[in-house]
Amino acid sequence: PWMNFSIATLLDERLRPDFDVFEFGCGASTTFFARRVRRVWSVEHDTAWLERVRARTLPNVVLTGCAADVDGDYCRVLHAAGV
């Protein structure tokens, strides 16, 4: 994932199978989280990238596409996810 080894190690030690994770931006971190937690919700603004990630996601991942904006729907996806 797009994080240094210290953070990846810290998360690996603390994430639990009953956790739910929300992230802005999907990719390698989505897979990293999905292998360690119950469910991952991710919102992505880049449609082409979203489709690439969607082709290789795990069943416990919910991907949402949303146009990037300032103080709008992209920011509010977290509430819609119910996390």
Protein backbone atom coordinates (compact mmCIF):
# COMPACT_ATOMS: atom_id res chain seq x y z
CA PRO A 1 0.00 0.00 0.00
CA TRP A 2 0.96 3.65 -0.35
CA MET A 3 2.38 3.91 3.17
CA ASN A 4 5.78 3.38 4.72
CA PHE A 5 6.76 0.07 6.31
CA SER A 6 6.39 1.41 9.86
CA ILE A 7 2.76 2.39 9.29
CA ALA A 8 1.98 -0.86 7.47
CA THR A 9 3.45 -2.82 10.38
CA LEU A 10 1.55 -0.74 12.93
CA LEU A 11 -1.75 -1.27 11.09
CA ASP A 12 -1.04 -4.96 10.62
CA GLU A 13 -0.66 -5.30 14.39
CA ARG A 14 -3.85 -3.37 15.20
CA LEU A 15 -6.38 -4.23 12.50
CA ARG A 16 -8.87 -6.93 13.50
CA PRO A 17 -11.19 -9.21 11.50
CA ASP A 18 -14.27 -7.50 12.98
CA PHE A 19 -13.22 -3.98 11.89
CA ASP A 20 -14.82 -1.94 9.11
CA VAL A 21 -12.57 0.49 7.22
CA PHE A 22 -13.45 3.52 5.10
CA GLU A 23 -10.86 5.06 2.79
CA PHE A 24 -10.72 7.93 0.35
CA GLY A 25 -8.98 6.57 -2.75
CA CYS A 26 -8.70 2.89 -3.62
CA GLY A 27 -5.76 0.78 -4.71
CA ALA A 28 -3.17 -1.38 -3.01
CA SER A 29 -4.30 -0.14 0.40
CA THR A 30 -7.79 -1.45 -0.37
CA THR A 31 -6.42 -4.96 -0.80
CA PHE A 32 -4.18 -4.54 2.25
CA PHE A 33 -7.18 -3.63 4.42
CA ALA A 34 -9.54 -6.17 2.84
CA ARG A 35 -7.26 -9.04 3.83
CA ARG A 36 -7.33 -7.94 7.47
CA VAL A 37 -10.81 -6.57 8.22
CA ARG A 38 -14.47 -7.50 7.79
CA ARG A 39 -15.35 -4.84 5.21
CA VAL A 40 -13.72 -1.99 3.31
CA TRP A 41 -15.60 0.94 1.80
CA SER A 42 -13.61 3.06 -0.61
CA VAL A 43 -14.55 6.13 -2.62
CA GLU A 44 -12.58 6.97 -5.76
CA HIS A 45 -12.85 9.99 -8.09
CA ASP A 46 -10.84 8.58 -11.03
CA THR A 47 -13.24 6.42 -13.05
CA ALA A 48 -10.54 4.61 -15.05
CA TRP A 49 -8.61 3.75 -11.90
CA LEU A 50 -11.80 2.66 -10.13
CA GLU A 51 -12.51 0.14 -12.90
CA ARG A 52 -8.96 -1.23 -12.74
CA VAL A 53 -9.22 -1.74 -8.99
CA ARG A 54 -12.76 -3.13 -9.26
CA ALA A 55 -11.45 -5.88 -11.57
CA ARG A 56 -9.22 -7.20 -8.79
CA THR A 57 -11.05 -6.48 -5.55
CA LEU A 58 -12.05 -8.94 -2.89
CA PRO A 59 -15.67 -9.74 -2.01
CA ASN A 60 -15.61 -7.71 1.22
CA VAL A 61 -14.86 -4.46 -0.64
CA VAL A 62 -17.46 -1.85 -1.59
CA LEU A 63 -16.15 0.60 -4.18
CA THR A 64 -17.96 3.86 -4.86
CA GLY A 65 -17.19 6.23 -7.69
CA CYS A 66 -17.79 9.91 -7.07
CA ALA A 67 -16.52 13.02 -8.84
CA ALA A 68 -13.97 14.98 -6.85
CA ASP A 69 -15.35 18.30 -5.68
CA VAL A 70 -14.89 20.82 -2.91
CA ASP A 71 -17.17 20.34 0.10
CA GLY A 72 -19.66 18.23 -1.81
CA ASP A 73 -20.73 14.68 -2.46
CA TYR A 74 -17.19 13.23 -2.43
CA CYS A 75 -16.75 14.37 1.15
CA ARG A 76 -20.16 13.09 2.18
CA VAL A 77 -19.78 9.53 0.87
CA LEU A 78 -18.53 8.56 4.32
CA HIS A 79 -21.95 9.34 5.80
CA ALA A 80 -23.76 7.49 3.03
CA ALA A 81 -21.63 4.39 3.71
CA GLY A 82 -22.97 4.29 7.25
CA VAL A 83 -19.55 3.62 8.70
